[in-house]
Amino acid sequence: MDTLAKYREDLTKCLLEVATGNGHLAGTLLETPDLDEPWERLAPSFYGDAVHNFNDYPEYCLACAGYLGMAVAHLWDKDWQQYKDAPYGIFLGDRGFDNMDDYITGHILQESTRSVAAMESCSAAAYHFLMKSGAEPGTADAYRRFLISGEVMYRIGAAIELARLGYHFEALT
């Protein structure tokens, strides 16, 4: 396994432990391929915003990736046919990226207490994990780890929202 794949695996495990320890997940990363495709489509626009803000607001940028995952999962549950090709702009409030968190919690999720607590703890853990990864700031390796961290936060956010909506992991026979 290469270094970046190991970073992704270890960060996912770390955030899954944080989310489980805080009661947001039950030890399993809830996921569906339906939620991976939107990330591939939305990520370039998201990273365009996040990269410009990361030095000043690193935990906020990571949390916004999680909020984006929560919003996509919520809309997937609500009406996937209507929202499956939703553009990045529907996740932004009147101040764009600056109030993405408030817009998603207030207008899409219509819930903030649980989602904010989950994203605060997970984004703090993700940022700490990134800083302890050994990547030298400003390098291509640090940038790649930031991109992976955003993707993992998106997946954790989606899993947390799926759990809040009542989904749980069941093995199919």
N, C-alpha and C. Protein backbone atom coordinates (compact mmCIF):
# COMPACT_ATOMS: atom_id res chain seq x y z
N MET A 1 0.85 -1.18 0.00
CA MET A 1 0.00 0.00 0.00
C MET A 1 0.89 1.24 0.00
N ASP A 2 0.60 2.17 -0.90
CA ASP A 2 1.43 3.37 -0.94
C ASP A 2 1.09 4.30 0.23
N THR A 3 1.90 5.31 0.41
CA THR A 3 1.79 6.21 1.55
C THR A 3 0.45 6.95 1.58
N LEU A 4 0.00 7.42 0.44
CA LEU A 4 -1.27 8.17 0.41
C LEU A 4 -2.47 7.27 0.65
N ALA A 5 -2.42 6.05 0.14
CA ALA A 5 -3.51 5.10 0.40
C ALA A 5 -3.56 4.77 1.89
N LYS A 6 -2.40 4.63 2.51
CA LYS A 6 -2.34 4.37 3.95
C LYS A 6 -2.87 5.57 4.72
N TYR A 7 -2.52 6.77 4.27
CA TYR A 7 -3.03 7.99 4.91
C TYR A 7 -4.56 7.99 4.86
N ARG A 8 -5.14 7.71 3.70
CA ARG A 8 -6.60 7.69 3.53
C ARG A 8 -7.23 6.65 4.48
N GLU A 9 -6.66 5.46 4.49
CA GLU A 9 -7.19 4.38 5.33
C GLU A 9 -7.11 4.74 6.81
N ASP A 10 -5.97 5.27 7.24
CA ASP A 10 -5.78 5.62 8.65
C ASP A 10 -6.66 6.80 9.07
N LEU A 11 -6.80 7.79 8.20
CA LEU A 11 -7.67 8.93 8.52
C LEU A 11 -9.12 8.48 8.60
N THR A 12 -9.54 7.65 7.68
CA THR A 12 -10.91 7.14 7.73
C THR A 12 -11.16 6.40 9.03
N LYS A 13 -10.23 5.57 9.42
CA LYS A 13 -10.35 4.82 10.68
C LYS A 13 -10.41 5.79 11.87
N CYS A 14 -9.55 6.79 11.87
CA CYS A 14 -9.53 7.79 12.94
C CYS A 14 -10.86 8.51 13.06
N LEU A 15 -11.39 8.99 11.93
CA LEU A 15 -12.64 9.75 11.97
C LEU A 15 -13.83 8.86 12.28
N LEU A 16 -13.78 7.63 11.85
CA LEU A 16 -14.84 6.68 12.20
C LEU A 16 -14.85 6.45 13.71
N GLU A 17 -13.68 6.36 14.32
CA GLU A 17 -13.58 6.21 15.78
C GLU A 17 -14.11 7.45 16.49
N VAL A 18 -13.76 8.64 15.98
CA VAL A 18 -14.24 9.89 16.59
C VAL A 18 -15.76 9.95 16.50
N ALA A 19 -16.30 9.71 15.31
CA ALA A 19 -17.75 9.79 15.12
C ALA A 19 -18.49 8.73 15.93
N THR A 20 -17.91 7.56 16.05
CA THR A 20 -18.52 6.50 16.86
C THR A 20 -18.44 6.86 18.34
N GLY A 21 -17.29 7.35 18.76
CA GLY A 21 -17.11 7.73 20.16
C GLY A 21 -18.05 8.83 20.59
N ASN A 22 -18.44 9.69 19.66
CA ASN A 22 -19.36 10.79 19.96
C ASN A 22 -20.82 10.43 19.71
N GLY A 23 -21.08 9.17 19.37
CA GLY A 23 -22.44 8.71 19.18
C GLY A 23 -23.07 9.05 17.84
N HIS A 24 -22.27 9.48 16.87
CA HIS A 24 -22.82 9.85 15.56
C HIS A 24 -22.86 8.68 14.59
N LEU A 25 -22.03 7.68 14.83
CA LEU A 25 -22.01 6.45 14.03
C LEU A 25 -21.90 5.27 14.98
N ALA A 26 -22.09 4.08 14.42
CA ALA A 26 -22.04 2.87 15.26
C ALA A 26 -20.90 1.95 14.83
N GLY A 27 -19.74 2.53 14.56
CA GLY A 27 -18.57 1.73 14.25
C GLY A 27 -18.42 1.33 12.80
N THR A 28 -19.40 1.69 11.97
CA THR A 28 -19.36 1.32 10.56
C THR A 28 -19.55 2.57 9.70
N LEU A 29 -18.76 2.66 8.64
CA LEU A 29 -18.90 3.76 7.71
C LEU A 29 -20.03 3.44 6.74
N LEU A 30 -21.16 4.11 6.92
CA LEU A 30 -22.30 3.92 6.03
C LEU A 30 -21.98 4.60 4.71
N GLU A 31 -22.16 3.88 3.62
CA GLU A 31 -21.84 4.47 2.33
C GLU A 31 -22.64 3.81 1.22
N THR A 32 -22.74 4.53 0.13
CA THR A 32 -23.40 4.01 -1.06
C THR A 32 -22.69 4.61 -2.27
N PRO A 33 -22.54 3.86 -3.33
CA PRO A 33 -21.90 4.40 -4.53
C PRO A 33 -22.63 5.63 -5.08
N ASP A 34 -23.92 5.75 -4.81
CA ASP A 34 -24.68 6.92 -5.26
C ASP A 34 -24.09 8.22 -4.73
N LEU A 35 -23.45 8.16 -3.57
CA LEU A 35 -22.89 9.38 -2.96
C LEU A 35 -21.46 9.65 -3.38
N ASP A 36 -20.80 8.67 -3.99
CA ASP A 36 -19.43 8.88 -4.47
C ASP A 36 -19.42 9.73 -5.74
N GLU A 37 -20.36 9.49 -6.64
CA GLU A 37 -20.40 10.23 -7.91
C GLU A 37 -20.54 11.73 -7.70
N PRO A 38 -21.46 12.19 -6.83
CA PRO A 38 -21.54 13.64 -6.64
C PRO A 38 -20.23 14.25 -6.14
N TRP A 39 -19.51 13.53 -5.31
CA TRP A 39 -18.23 14.07 -4.82
C TRP A 39 -17.28 14.30 -5.99
N GLU A 40 -17.21 13.36 -6.90
CA GLU A 40 -16.32 13.50 -8.05
C GLU A 40 -16.68 14.75 -8.86
N ARG A 41 -17.96 15.04 -8.95
CA ARG A 41 -18.44 16.18 -9.71
C ARG A 41 -18.30 17.49 -8.94
N LEU A 42 -18.55 17.47 -7.64
CA LEU A 42 -18.55 18.67 -6.82
C LEU A 42 -17.17 19.05 -6.28
N ALA A 43 -16.29 18.07 -6.16
CA ALA A 43 -14.98 18.29 -5.53
C ALA A 43 -14.17 19.41 -6.18
N PRO A 44 -14.06 19.49 -7.51
CA PRO A 44 -13.24 20.58 -8.08
C PRO A 44 -13.71 21.97 -7.65
N SER A 45 -15.01 22.21 -7.65
CA SER A 45 -15.53 23.51 -7.22
C SER A 45 -15.31 23.71 -5.72
N PHE A 46 -15.55 22.65 -4.95
CA PHE A 46 -15.33 22.74 -3.50
C PHE A 46 -13.87 23.08 -3.21
N TYR A 47 -12.96 22.34 -3.82
CA TYR A 47 -11.53 22.58 -3.56
C TYR A 47 -11.10 23.96 -4.02
N GLY A 48 -11.73 24.47 -5.10
CA GLY A 48 -11.42 25.83 -5.54
C GLY A 48 -11.69 26.84 -4.44
N ASP A 49 -12.77 26.65 -3.69
CA ASP A 49 -13.08 27.52 -2.56
C ASP A 49 -12.20 27.20 -1.35
N ALA A 50 -12.08 25.93 -1.03
CA ALA A 50 -11.39 25.53 0.20
C ALA A 50 -9.91 25.87 0.18
N VAL A 51 -9.26 25.70 -0.94
CA VAL A 51 -7.81 25.96 -1.01
C VAL A 51 -7.52 27.42 -0.68
N HIS A 52 -8.37 28.32 -1.13
CA HIS A 52 -8.14 29.75 -0.87
C HIS A 52 -8.35 30.12 0.59
N ASN A 53 -9.06 29.31 1.32
CA ASN A 53 -9.38 29.62 2.72
C ASN A 53 -8.63 28.75 3.73
N PHE A 54 -7.95 27.73 3.26
CA PHE A 54 -7.39 26.73 4.17
C PHE A 54 -6.36 27.31 5.15
N ASN A 55 -5.47 28.17 4.69
CA ASN A 55 -4.44 28.68 5.61
C ASN A 55 -5.03 29.45 6.78
N ASP A 56 -6.11 30.18 6.54
CA ASP A 56 -6.74 30.97 7.61
C ASP A 56 -7.77 30.18 8.41
N TYR A 57 -8.45 29.24 7.75
CA TYR A 57 -9.56 28.51 8.39
C TYR A 57 -9.50 27.02 8.05
N PRO A 58 -8.45 26.33 8.47
CA PRO A 58 -8.30 24.92 8.05
C PRO A 58 -9.41 24.00 8.54
N GLU A 59 -9.79 24.12 9.80
CA GLU A 59 -10.84 23.23 10.32
C GLU A 59 -12.19 23.54 9.68
N TYR A 60 -12.45 24.81 9.40
CA TYR A 60 -13.70 25.18 8.73
C TYR A 60 -13.75 24.54 7.33
N CYS A 61 -12.66 24.63 6.60
CA CYS A 61 -12.62 24.05 5.24
C CYS A 61 -12.87 22.55 5.28
N LEU A 62 -12.25 21.87 6.23
CA LEU A 62 -12.48 20.42 6.36
C LEU A 62 -13.92 20.14 6.79
N ALA A 63 -14.44 20.94 7.70
CA ALA A 63 -15.83 20.75 8.13
C ALA A 63 -16.79 20.95 6.96
N CYS A 64 -16.52 21.92 6.10
CA CYS A 64 -17.41 22.16 4.96
C CYS A 64 -17.47 20.95 4.03
N ALA A 65 -16.38 20.22 3.90
CA ALA A 65 -16.43 18.99 3.10
C ALA A 65 -17.39 18.00 3.76
N GLY A 66 -17.37 17.92 5.08
CA GLY A 66 -18.30 17.06 5.80
C GLY A 66 -19.74 17.53 5.67
N TYR A 67 -19.95 18.85 5.78
CA TYR A 67 -21.30 19.38 5.59
C TYR A 67 -21.81 19.08 4.18
N LEU A 68 -20.93 19.18 3.20
CA LEU A 68 -21.32 18.87 1.84
C LEU A 68 -21.77 17.40 1.73
N GLY A 69 -21.02 16.51 2.38
CA GLY A 69 -21.42 15.10 2.40
C GLY A 69 -22.77 14.91 3.08
N MET A 70 -22.98 15.62 4.18
CA MET A 70 -24.27 15.54 4.87
C MET A 70 -25.40 16.01 3.96
N ALA A 71 -25.19 17.12 3.28
CA ALA A 71 -26.23 17.69 2.41
C ALA A 71 -26.55 16.74 1.25
N VAL A 72 -25.52 16.19 0.63
CA VAL A 72 -25.75 15.27 -0.49
C VAL A 72 -26.51 14.03 0.00
N ALA A 73 -26.13 13.49 1.15
CA ALA A 73 -26.83 12.32 1.70
C ALA A 73 -28.28 12.66 2.01
N HIS A 74 -28.50 13.84 2.56
CA HIS A 74 -29.87 14.26 2.89
C HIS A 74 -30.74 14.35 1.63
N LEU A 75 -30.18 14.97 0.61
CA LEU A 75 -30.92 15.11 -0.65
C LEU A 75 -31.10 13.76 -1.35
N TRP A 76 -30.12 12.88 -1.20
CA TRP A 76 -30.22 11.51 -1.75
C TRP A 76 -31.44 10.81 -1.14
N ASP A 77 -31.60 10.98 0.17
CA ASP A 77 -32.73 10.36 0.86
C ASP A 77 -34.05 11.05 0.50
N LYS A 78 -34.02 12.34 0.33
CA LYS A 78 -35.23 13.11 0.09
C LYS A 78 -35.82 12.84 -1.30
N ASP A 79 -35.00 13.00 -2.34
CA ASP A 79 -35.49 12.80 -3.72
C ASP A 79 -34.28 12.75 -4.65
N TRP A 80 -33.67 11.58 -4.76
CA TRP A 80 -32.44 11.43 -5.51
C TRP A 80 -32.60 11.82 -6.98
N GLN A 81 -33.73 11.50 -7.59
CA GLN A 81 -33.94 11.84 -9.00
C GLN A 81 -33.87 13.35 -9.20
N GLN A 82 -34.42 14.09 -8.28
CA GLN A 82 -34.41 15.55 -8.40
C GLN A 82 -33.04 16.15 -8.14
N TYR A 83 -32.29 15.59 -7.21
CA TYR A 83 -31.05 16.23 -6.75
C TYR A 83 -29.76 15.56 -7.20
N LYS A 84 -29.81 14.46 -7.91
CA LYS A 84 -28.58 13.71 -8.21
C LYS A 84 -27.58 14.50 -9.04
N ASP A 85 -28.02 15.46 -9.82
CA ASP A 85 -27.10 16.27 -10.63
C ASP A 85 -27.03 17.71 -10.15
N ALA A 86 -27.38 17.92 -8.89
CA ALA A 86 -27.41 19.28 -8.33
C ALA A 86 -26.03 19.94 -8.45
N PRO A 87 -26.00 21.20 -8.87
CA PRO A 87 -24.73 21.91 -8.98
C PRO A 87 -24.20 22.33 -7.61
N TYR A 88 -22.93 22.56 -7.54
CA TYR A 88 -22.26 22.98 -6.31
C TYR A 88 -22.94 24.21 -5.69
N GLY A 89 -23.39 25.13 -6.50
CA GLY A 89 -23.97 26.38 -6.01
C GLY A 89 -25.17 26.21 -5.11
N ILE A 90 -25.91 25.10 -5.20
CA ILE A 90 -27.08 24.96 -4.33
C ILE A 90 -26.69 24.71 -2.88
N PHE A 91 -25.43 24.44 -2.62
CA PHE A 91 -24.95 24.18 -1.26
C PHE A 91 -24.35 25.43 -0.61
N LEU A 92 -24.39 26.54 -1.32
CA LEU A 92 -23.79 27.78 -0.84
C LEU A 92 -24.86 28.79 -0.48
N GLY A 93 -24.62 29.52 0.58
CA GLY A 93 -25.55 30.56 0.99
C GLY A 93 -25.27 31.87 0.27
N ASP A 94 -25.83 32.94 0.78
CA ASP A 94 -25.68 34.25 0.13
C ASP A 94 -24.26 34.80 0.21
N ARG A 95 -23.45 34.28 1.09
CA ARG A 95 -22.04 34.68 1.19
C ARG A 95 -21.12 33.62 0.61
N GLY A 96 -21.66 32.71 -0.17
CA GLY A 96 -20.84 31.68 -0.81
C GLY A 96 -20.25 30.71 0.20
N PHE A 97 -18.99 30.41 0.02
CA PHE A 97 -18.29 29.44 0.87
C PHE A 97 -18.24 29.91 2.32
N ASP A 98 -18.24 31.21 2.53
CA ASP A 98 -18.11 31.76 3.89
C ASP A 98 -19.22 31.34 4.84
N ASN A 99 -20.39 31.02 4.32
CA ASN A 99 -21.45 30.57 5.21
C ASN A 99 -22.07 29.25 4.73
N MET A 100 -21.25 28.45 4.09
CA MET A 100 -21.70 27.14 3.61
C MET A 100 -22.25 26.30 4.74
N ASP A 101 -21.59 26.30 5.88
CA ASP A 101 -22.02 25.50 7.02
C ASP A 101 -23.42 25.93 7.49
N ASP A 102 -23.61 27.22 7.67
CA ASP A 102 -24.92 27.72 8.13
C ASP A 102 -26.01 27.46 7.11
N TYR A 103 -25.67 27.62 5.84
CA TYR A 103 -26.68 27.40 4.80
C TYR A 103 -27.11 25.93 4.77
N ILE A 104 -26.14 25.03 4.81
CA ILE A 104 -26.48 23.60 4.76
C ILE A 104 -27.27 23.19 6.00
N THR A 105 -26.81 23.60 7.18
CA THR A 105 -27.53 23.18 8.40
C THR A 105 -28.91 23.82 8.49
N GLY A 106 -29.04 25.08 8.07
CA GLY A 106 -30.30 25.78 8.21
C GLY A 106 -31.30 25.54 7.10
N HIS A 107 -30.83 25.40 5.87
CA HIS A 107 -31.74 25.31 4.74
C HIS A 107 -31.88 23.92 4.13
N ILE A 108 -30.85 23.11 4.23
CA ILE A 108 -30.94 21.77 3.65
C ILE A 108 -31.24 20.74 4.72
N LEU A 109 -30.40 20.68 5.74
CA LEU A 109 -30.61 19.69 6.81
C LEU A 109 -31.74 20.11 7.75
N GLN A 110 -31.90 21.42 7.92
CA GLN A 110 -32.83 21.99 8.89
C GLN A 110 -32.60 21.40 10.28
N GLU A 111 -31.34 21.27 10.61
CA GLU A 111 -30.89 20.73 11.90
C GLU A 111 -29.46 21.20 12.09
N SER A 112 -29.15 21.73 13.26
CA SER A 112 -27.77 22.17 13.45
C SER A 112 -27.11 21.60 14.69
N THR A 113 -27.82 21.29 15.72
CA THR A 113 -27.21 20.87 16.97
C THR A 113 -26.32 19.65 16.77
N ARG A 114 -26.87 18.59 16.23
CA ARG A 114 -26.11 17.36 16.06
C ARG A 114 -25.07 17.47 14.94
N SER A 115 -25.43 18.10 13.83
CA SER A 115 -24.52 18.18 12.70
C SER A 115 -23.31 19.06 13.02
N VAL A 116 -23.52 20.17 13.69
CA VAL A 116 -22.40 21.05 14.03
C VAL A 116 -21.46 20.35 15.01
N ALA A 117 -22.00 19.69 16.02
CA ALA A 117 -21.14 18.97 16.97
C ALA A 117 -20.32 17.90 16.26
N ALA A 118 -20.96 17.18 15.35
CA ALA A 118 -20.26 16.12 14.61
C ALA A 118 -19.14 16.70 13.76
N MET A 119 -19.42 17.77 13.04
CA MET A 119 -18.40 18.35 12.15
C MET A 119 -17.29 19.04 12.92
N GLU A 120 -17.61 19.64 14.05
CA GLU A 120 -16.55 20.26 14.85
C GLU A 120 -15.56 19.21 15.34
N SER A 121 -16.06 18.11 15.87
CA SER A 121 -15.14 17.09 16.39
C SER A 121 -14.38 16.39 15.27
N CYS A 122 -15.06 16.09 14.18
CA CYS A 122 -14.38 15.38 13.08
C CYS A 122 -13.39 16.28 12.35
N SER A 123 -13.73 17.54 12.13
CA SER A 123 -12.80 18.42 11.42
C SER A 123 -11.57 18.73 12.28
N ALA A 124 -11.75 18.86 13.59
CA ALA A 124 -10.60 19.06 14.47
C ALA A 124 -9.69 17.84 14.43
N ALA A 125 -10.28 16.66 14.47
CA ALA A 125 -9.48 15.43 14.41
C ALA A 125 -8.79 15.29 13.06
N ALA A 126 -9.49 15.62 11.97
CA ALA A 126 -8.90 15.52 10.64
C ALA A 126 -7.74 16.50 10.49
N TYR A 127 -7.90 17.72 10.99
CA TYR A 127 -6.82 18.70 10.90
C TYR A 127 -5.61 18.26 11.72
N HIS A 128 -5.85 17.78 12.92
CA HIS A 128 -4.77 17.27 13.76
C HIS A 128 -4.05 16.12 13.05
N PHE A 129 -4.81 15.22 12.47
CA PHE A 129 -4.24 14.08 11.76
C PHE A 129 -3.39 14.56 10.58
N LEU A 130 -3.90 15.53 9.84
CA LEU A 130 -3.16 16.08 8.71
C LEU A 130 -1.86 16.73 9.17
N MET A 131 -1.91 17.50 10.24
CA MET A 131 -0.71 18.18 10.72
C MET A 131 0.33 17.20 11.27
N LYS A 132 -0.13 16.09 11.81
CA LYS A 132 0.78 15.08 12.35
C LYS A 132 1.25 14.08 11.29
N SER A 133 0.80 14.24 10.05
CA SER A 133 1.11 13.25 9.01
C SER A 133 2.56 13.31 8.54
N GLY A 134 3.24 14.38 8.85
CA GLY A 134 4.64 14.50 8.46
C GLY A 134 4.85 15.17 7.11
N ALA A 135 3.79 15.56 6.45
CA ALA A 135 3.94 16.25 5.16
C ALA A 135 4.40 17.68 5.42
N GLU A 136 5.39 18.10 4.69
CA GLU A 136 5.91 19.45 4.85
C GLU A 136 4.93 20.44 4.24
N PRO A 137 4.50 21.46 5.03
CA PRO A 137 3.54 22.43 4.52
C PRO A 137 4.01 23.06 3.20
N GLY A 138 3.06 23.27 2.30
CA GLY A 138 3.36 23.91 1.03
C GLY A 138 3.88 22.97 -0.05
N THR A 139 3.99 21.68 0.26
CA THR A 139 4.50 20.73 -0.72
C THR A 139 3.35 20.04 -1.45
N ALA A 140 3.70 19.39 -2.54
CA ALA A 140 2.71 18.61 -3.28
C ALA A 140 2.14 17.50 -2.41
N ASP A 141 2.96 16.91 -1.57
CA ASP A 141 2.49 15.84 -0.68
C ASP A 141 1.46 16.39 0.31
N ALA A 142 1.71 17.56 0.88
CA ALA A 142 0.75 18.17 1.81
C ALA A 142 -0.56 18.48 1.09
N TYR A 143 -0.47 18.96 -0.14
CA TYR A 143 -1.68 19.26 -0.92
C TYR A 143 -2.47 17.99 -1.19
N ARG A 144 -1.81 16.92 -1.58
CA ARG A 144 -2.50 15.65 -1.82
C ARG A 144 -3.18 15.14 -0.55
N ARG A 145 -2.53 15.30 0.58
CA ARG A 145 -3.13 14.87 1.85
C ARG A 145 -4.33 15.74 2.22
N PHE A 146 -4.27 17.01 1.89
CA PHE A 146 -5.43 17.88 2.09
C PHE A 146 -6.60 17.42 1.22
N LEU A 147 -6.33 17.10 -0.04
CA LEU A 147 -7.39 16.61 -0.93
C LEU A 147 -8.01 15.33 -0.38
N ILE A 148 -7.19 14.42 0.08
CA ILE A 148 -7.69 13.17 0.67
C ILE A 148 -8.50 13.47 1.92
N SER A 149 -8.03 14.40 2.74
CA SER A 149 -8.73 14.75 3.97
C SER A 149 -10.12 15.30 3.66
N GLY A 150 -10.23 16.13 2.63
CA GLY A 150 -11.53 16.64 2.23
C GLY A 150 -12.46 15.53 1.78
N GLU A 151 -11.94 14.61 1.00
CA GLU A 151 -12.76 13.49 0.53
C GLU A 151 -13.22 12.61 1.69
N VAL A 152 -12.34 12.33 2.62
CA VAL A 152 -12.70 11.50 3.77
C VAL A 152 -13.73 12.22 4.63
N MET A 153 -13.57 13.53 4.81
CA MET A 153 -14.56 14.29 5.57
C MET A 153 -15.92 14.25 4.88
N TYR A 154 -15.95 14.36 3.57
CA TYR A 154 -17.20 14.25 2.82
C TYR A 154 -17.87 12.91 3.10
N ARG A 155 -17.11 11.84 3.03
CA ARG A 155 -17.66 10.50 3.26
C ARG A 155 -18.14 10.32 4.69
N ILE A 156 -17.40 10.86 5.65
CA ILE A 156 -17.82 10.78 7.06
C ILE A 156 -19.09 11.60 7.26
N GLY A 157 -19.15 12.80 6.67
CA GLY A 157 -20.35 13.62 6.78
C GLY A 157 -21.56 12.91 6.20
N ALA A 158 -21.39 12.29 5.03
CA ALA A 158 -22.49 11.54 4.42
C ALA A 158 -22.93 10.40 5.32
N ALA A 159 -21.98 9.68 5.90
CA ALA A 159 -22.30 8.56 6.78
C ALA A 159 -23.05 9.03 8.02
N ILE A 160 -22.62 10.14 8.58
CA ILE A 160 -23.28 10.67 9.78
C ILE A 160 -24.73 11.06 9.46
N GLU A 161 -24.94 11.67 8.31
CA GLU A 161 -26.31 12.05 7.94
C GLU A 161 -27.15 10.82 7.65
N LEU A 162 -26.60 9.83 6.98
CA LEU A 162 -27.35 8.60 6.73
C LEU A 162 -27.76 7.96 8.06
N ALA A 163 -26.85 7.96 9.03
CA ALA A 163 -27.18 7.40 10.35
C ALA A 163 -28.29 8.21 11.02
N ARG A 164 -28.20 9.55 10.91
CA ARG A 164 -29.23 10.41 11.51
C ARG A 164 -30.60 10.14 10.88
N LEU A 165 -30.59 9.82 9.61
CA LEU A 165 -31.83 9.54 8.89
C LEU A 165 -32.37 8.14 9.16
N GLY A 166 -31.61 7.34 9.91
CA GLY A 166 -32.08 6.01 10.29
C GLY A 166 -31.51 4.85 9.51
N TYR A 167 -30.59 5.13 8.60
CA TYR A 167 -29.96 4.03 7.88
C TYR A 167 -28.98 3.34 8.80
N HIS A 168 -28.81 2.04 8.59
CA HIS A 168 -27.82 1.29 9.35
C HIS A 168 -27.28 0.19 8.46
N PHE A 169 -26.13 -0.28 8.83
CA PHE A 169 -25.45 -1.29 8.03
C PHE A 169 -26.08 -2.65 8.27
N GLU A 170 -26.47 -3.29 7.20
CA GLU A 170 -26.97 -4.66 7.27
C GLU A 170 -26.34 -5.46 6.15
N ALA A 171 -25.76 -6.57 6.50
CA ALA A 171 -25.20 -7.43 5.47
C ALA A 171 -26.34 -8.10 4.71
N LEU A 172 -26.23 -8.11 3.40
CA LEU A 172 -27.24 -8.77 2.59
C LEU A 172 -26.88 -10.24 2.42
N THR A 173 -27.89 -11.11 2.45
CA THR A 173 -27.62 -12.53 2.28
C THR A 173 -27.92 -12.97 0.86
